Amino acid sequence: MREFKITYFFNEEHYIRRFIHMETMEQAIALVQSERGRFISFTDSRGIYHELDTGKVRVTQVAEYFRTKK
């Protein structure tokens, strides 16, 4: 499984980031597209629960994420 970072931008200063695990970039993009215009919920890496109206997002960015070990 590969890890992908999805960033939902509301404006130039405000955004929410979500991490998912999928086999391919195409699957990650398909997930984002299937959620367009809906409410979604997820818990971020800090354990904070989010409910997000994807219809209010101005830009959605999907990128493969390579986590570094500390």
C-alpha atoms as a PDB file:
ATOM      1  CA  MET A   1       0.000   0.000   0.000  1.00  0.00           C
ATOM      2  CA  ARG A   2       1.142   3.507  -0.795  1.00  0.00           C
ATOM      3  CA  GLU A   3       0.334   6.560   1.292  1.00  0.00           C
ATOM      4  CA  PHE A   4      -1.294   9.621  -0.259  1.00  0.00           C
ATOM      5  CA  LYS A   5      -1.757  13.094   1.161  1.00  0.00           C
ATOM      6  CA  ILE A   6      -5.017  14.851   0.310  1.00  0.00           C
ATOM      7  CA  THR A   7      -5.126  18.565   1.028  1.00  0.00           C
ATOM      8  CA  TYR A   8      -8.427  20.455   0.934  1.00  0.00           C
ATOM      9  CA  PHE A   9      -7.878  24.202   0.503  1.00  0.00           C
ATOM     10  CA  PHE A  10     -10.617  26.637   1.509  1.00  0.00           C
ATOM     11  CA  ASN A  11      -8.564  29.746   0.698  1.00  0.00           C
ATOM     12  CA  GLU A  12      -4.890  30.731   0.677  1.00  0.00           C
ATOM     13  CA  GLU A  13      -4.538  30.372   4.458  1.00  0.00           C
ATOM     14  CA  HIS A  14      -6.943  27.628   5.523  1.00  0.00           C
ATOM     15  CA  TYR A  15      -6.698  23.958   4.671  1.00  0.00           C
ATOM     16  CA  ILE A  16      -7.206  20.465   6.100  1.00  0.00           C
ATOM     17  CA  ARG A  17      -4.896  17.570   5.317  1.00  0.00           C
ATOM     18  CA  ARG A  18      -5.857  13.896   5.232  1.00  0.00           C
ATOM     19  CA  PHE A  19      -3.728  10.786   4.673  1.00  0.00           C
ATOM     20  CA  ILE A  20      -5.051   7.656   2.968  1.00  0.00           C
ATOM     21  CA  HIS A  21      -3.590   4.317   1.904  1.00  0.00           C
ATOM     22  CA  MET A  22      -4.308   3.047  -1.609  1.00  0.00           C
ATOM     23  CA  GLU A  23      -2.553   0.887  -4.168  1.00  0.00           C
ATOM     24  CA  THR A  24      -2.332   3.540  -6.904  1.00  0.00           C
ATOM     25  CA  MET A  25      -2.629   7.276  -7.516  1.00  0.00           C
ATOM     26  CA  GLU A  26      -5.583   6.547  -9.796  1.00  0.00           C
ATOM     27  CA  GLN A  27      -7.461   4.914  -6.887  1.00  0.00           C
ATOM     28  CA  ALA A  28      -6.717   7.913  -4.645  1.00  0.00           C
ATOM     29  CA  ILE A  29      -8.006  10.306  -7.309  1.00  0.00           C
ATOM     30  CA  ALA A  30     -11.118   8.157  -7.848  1.00  0.00           C
ATOM     31  CA  LEU A  31     -11.837   8.324  -4.100  1.00  0.00           C
ATOM     32  CA  VAL A  32     -11.559  12.129  -4.093  1.00  0.00           C
ATOM     33  CA  GLN A  33     -13.792  12.362  -7.159  1.00  0.00           C
ATOM     34  CA  SER A  34     -16.416  10.054  -5.617  1.00  0.00           C
ATOM     35  CA  GLU A  35     -16.544  12.279  -2.513  1.00  0.00           C
ATOM     36  CA  ARG A  36     -17.018  15.515  -4.465  1.00  0.00           C
ATOM     37  CA  GLY A  37     -19.950  17.601  -3.240  1.00  0.00           C
ATOM     38  CA  ARG A  38     -20.610  15.403  -0.173  1.00  0.00           C
ATOM     39  CA  PHE A  39     -19.968  15.511   3.538  1.00  0.00           C
ATOM     40  CA  ILE A  40     -17.091  13.239   4.581  1.00  0.00           C
ATOM     41  CA  SER A  41     -15.615  12.492   7.987  1.00  0.00           C
ATOM     42  CA  PHE A  42     -12.155  11.364   9.015  1.00  0.00           C
ATOM     43  CA  THR A  43      -9.685  11.454  11.887  1.00  0.00           C
ATOM     44  CA  ASP A  44      -6.358  13.129  11.139  1.00  0.00           C
ATOM     45  CA  SER A  45      -2.888  12.002  12.221  1.00  0.00           C
ATOM     46  CA  ARG A  46      -3.244  13.962  15.477  1.00  0.00           C
ATOM     47  CA  GLY A  47      -6.446  12.127  16.387  1.00  0.00           C
ATOM     48  CA  ILE A  48      -8.715  15.096  15.598  1.00  0.00           C
ATOM     49  CA  TYR A  49     -12.091  14.203  14.090  1.00  0.00           C
ATOM     50  CA  HIS A  50     -13.201  16.249  11.049  1.00  0.00           C
ATOM     51  CA  GLU A  51     -16.473  16.542   9.162  1.00  0.00           C
ATOM     52  CA  LEU A  52     -15.886  18.246   5.845  1.00  0.00           C
ATOM     53  CA  ASP A  53     -18.313  19.575   3.237  1.00  0.00           C
ATOM     54  CA  THR A  54     -16.314  18.922   0.073  1.00  0.00           C
ATOM     55  CA  GLY A  55     -18.665  21.259  -1.795  1.00  0.00           C
ATOM     56  CA  LYS A  56     -17.120  24.211   0.106  1.00  0.00           C
ATOM     57  CA  VAL A  57     -13.535  23.344  -0.896  1.00  0.00           C
ATOM     58  CA  ARG A  58     -11.903  25.558  -3.521  1.00  0.00           C
ATOM     59  CA  VAL A  59      -8.945  23.311  -4.407  1.00  0.00           C
ATOM     60  CA  THR A  60      -8.191  19.657  -3.677  1.00  0.00           C
ATOM     61  CA  GLN A  61      -4.630  18.399  -4.052  1.00  0.00           C
ATOM     62  CA  VAL A  62      -3.594  14.727  -4.106  1.00  0.00           C
ATOM     63  CA  ALA A  63       0.068  13.709  -3.828  1.00  0.00           C
ATOM     64  CA  GLU A  64       1.962  10.583  -2.898  1.00  0.00           C
ATOM     65  CA  TYR A  65       3.483  10.990   0.544  1.00  0.00           C
ATOM     66  CA  PHE A  66       6.813   9.532   1.607  1.00  0.00           C
ATOM     67  CA  ARG A  67       6.877   9.506   5.404  1.00  0.00           C
ATOM     68  CA  THR A  68      10.305  10.057   6.924  1.00  0.00           C
ATOM     69  CA  LYS A  69      11.337   8.150  10.015  1.00  0.00           C
ATOM     70  CA  LYS A  70      12.495  10.250  12.954  1.00  0.00           C
END
